[in-house]
Amino acid sequence: MEMVRTGFEQLISDESFGPSEYEKLTDIEFPDRESLRIYLQAMHDHLFNHAPEQPMPPG
């Protein structure tokens, strides 16, 4: 599980990973890098910091 946490943290901080790269992996579109970063941070918090609700991607 620690590898998944580390992967999330790397994606959140990686400036070269953006909406088009995420869409290639998931078929989920994000309008911009900032909205993707917010979503990934919220998902990270849900999985690893006991945030109460799972975030929903746009659309």
C-alpha atoms as a PDB file:
ATOM      1  CA  MET A   1       0.000   0.000   0.000  1.00  0.00           C
ATOM      2  CA  GLU A   2       2.953   2.292   0.611  1.00  0.00           C
ATOM      3  CA  MET A   3       3.866   2.094  -3.079  1.00  0.00           C
ATOM      4  CA  VAL A   4       0.379   3.315  -4.030  1.00  0.00           C
ATOM      5  CA  ARG A   5       0.693   6.227  -1.586  1.00  0.00           C
ATOM      6  CA  THR A   6       4.092   7.126  -2.992  1.00  0.00           C
ATOM      7  CA  GLY A   7       2.742   6.931  -6.548  1.00  0.00           C
ATOM      8  CA  PHE A   8      -0.117   9.305  -5.729  1.00  0.00           C
ATOM      9  CA  GLU A   9       2.294  11.747  -4.126  1.00  0.00           C
ATOM     10  CA  GLN A  10       4.582  11.615  -7.163  1.00  0.00           C
ATOM     11  CA  LEU A  11       1.682  12.243  -9.575  1.00  0.00           C
ATOM     12  CA  ILE A  12       0.427  15.175  -7.541  1.00  0.00           C
ATOM     13  CA  SER A  13       3.844  16.829  -7.557  1.00  0.00           C
ATOM     14  CA  ASP A  14       4.858  15.902 -11.139  1.00  0.00           C
ATOM     15  CA  GLU A  15       4.391  19.014 -13.286  1.00  0.00           C
ATOM     16  CA  SER A  16       4.729  16.953 -16.488  1.00  0.00           C
ATOM     17  CA  PHE A  17       1.712  14.760 -15.612  1.00  0.00           C
ATOM     18  CA  GLY A  18      -1.463  16.470 -16.690  1.00  0.00           C
ATOM     19  CA  PRO A  19      -5.000  15.942 -17.926  1.00  0.00           C
ATOM     20  CA  SER A  20      -4.020  14.340 -21.232  1.00  0.00           C
ATOM     21  CA  GLU A  21      -1.774  11.765 -19.520  1.00  0.00           C
ATOM     22  CA  TYR A  22      -4.481  10.977 -16.967  1.00  0.00           C
ATOM     23  CA  GLU A  23      -7.090  10.633 -19.720  1.00  0.00           C
ATOM     24  CA  LYS A  24      -4.873   8.141 -21.580  1.00  0.00           C
ATOM     25  CA  LEU A  25      -4.792   5.990 -18.445  1.00  0.00           C
ATOM     26  CA  THR A  26      -8.417   6.317 -17.356  1.00  0.00           C
ATOM     27  CA  ASP A  27     -10.580   7.799 -20.152  1.00  0.00           C
ATOM     28  CA  ILE A  28     -11.595  10.537 -17.668  1.00  0.00           C
ATOM     29  CA  GLU A  29     -11.187  14.115 -18.898  1.00  0.00           C
ATOM     30  CA  PHE A  30     -10.149  17.036 -16.719  1.00  0.00           C
ATOM     31  CA  PRO A  31     -10.377  20.618 -17.969  1.00  0.00           C
ATOM     32  CA  ASP A  32      -6.951  21.640 -16.615  1.00  0.00           C
ATOM     33  CA  ARG A  33      -3.953  20.581 -14.539  1.00  0.00           C
ATOM     34  CA  GLU A  34      -5.186  22.339 -11.396  1.00  0.00           C
ATOM     35  CA  SER A  35      -8.541  20.514 -11.314  1.00  0.00           C
ATOM     36  CA  LEU A  36      -6.722  17.201 -11.831  1.00  0.00           C
ATOM     37  CA  ARG A  37      -4.278  18.007  -9.017  1.00  0.00           C
ATOM     38  CA  ILE A  38      -7.168  18.883  -6.671  1.00  0.00           C
ATOM     39  CA  TYR A  39      -8.943  15.628  -7.542  1.00  0.00           C
ATOM     40  CA  LEU A  40      -5.797  13.515  -7.045  1.00  0.00           C
ATOM     41  CA  GLN A  41      -5.102  15.209  -3.702  1.00  0.00           C
ATOM     42  CA  ALA A  42      -8.699  14.587  -2.579  1.00  0.00           C
ATOM     43  CA  MET A  43      -8.445  10.927  -3.644  1.00  0.00           C
ATOM     44  CA  HIS A  44      -5.137  10.627  -1.792  1.00  0.00           C
ATOM     45  CA  ASP A  45      -6.764  12.097   1.320  1.00  0.00           C
ATOM     46  CA  HIS A  46      -9.695   9.695   0.980  1.00  0.00           C
ATOM     47  CA  LEU A  47      -7.475   6.634   0.645  1.00  0.00           C
ATOM     48  CA  PHE A  48      -4.733   7.482   3.114  1.00  0.00           C
ATOM     49  CA  ASN A  49      -5.959  10.209   5.465  1.00  0.00           C
ATOM     50  CA  HIS A  50      -9.484   8.950   6.175  1.00  0.00           C
ATOM     51  CA  ALA A  51     -11.293  11.755   4.329  1.00  0.00           C
ATOM     52  CA  PRO A  52     -15.004  10.941   4.674  1.00  0.00           C
ATOM     53  CA  GLU A  53     -16.077  11.043   1.039  1.00  0.00           C
ATOM     54  CA  GLN A  54     -14.547   9.688  -2.144  1.00  0.00           C
ATOM     55  CA  PRO A  55     -14.134  12.526  -4.641  1.00  0.00           C
ATOM     56  CA  MET A  56     -15.933  12.354  -7.963  1.00  0.00           C
ATOM     57  CA  PRO A  57     -14.163  13.196 -11.205  1.00  0.00           C
ATOM     58  CA  PRO A  58     -15.733  15.793 -13.502  1.00  0.00           C
ATOM     59  CA  GLY A  59     -18.591  14.844 -15.765  1.00  0.00           C
END
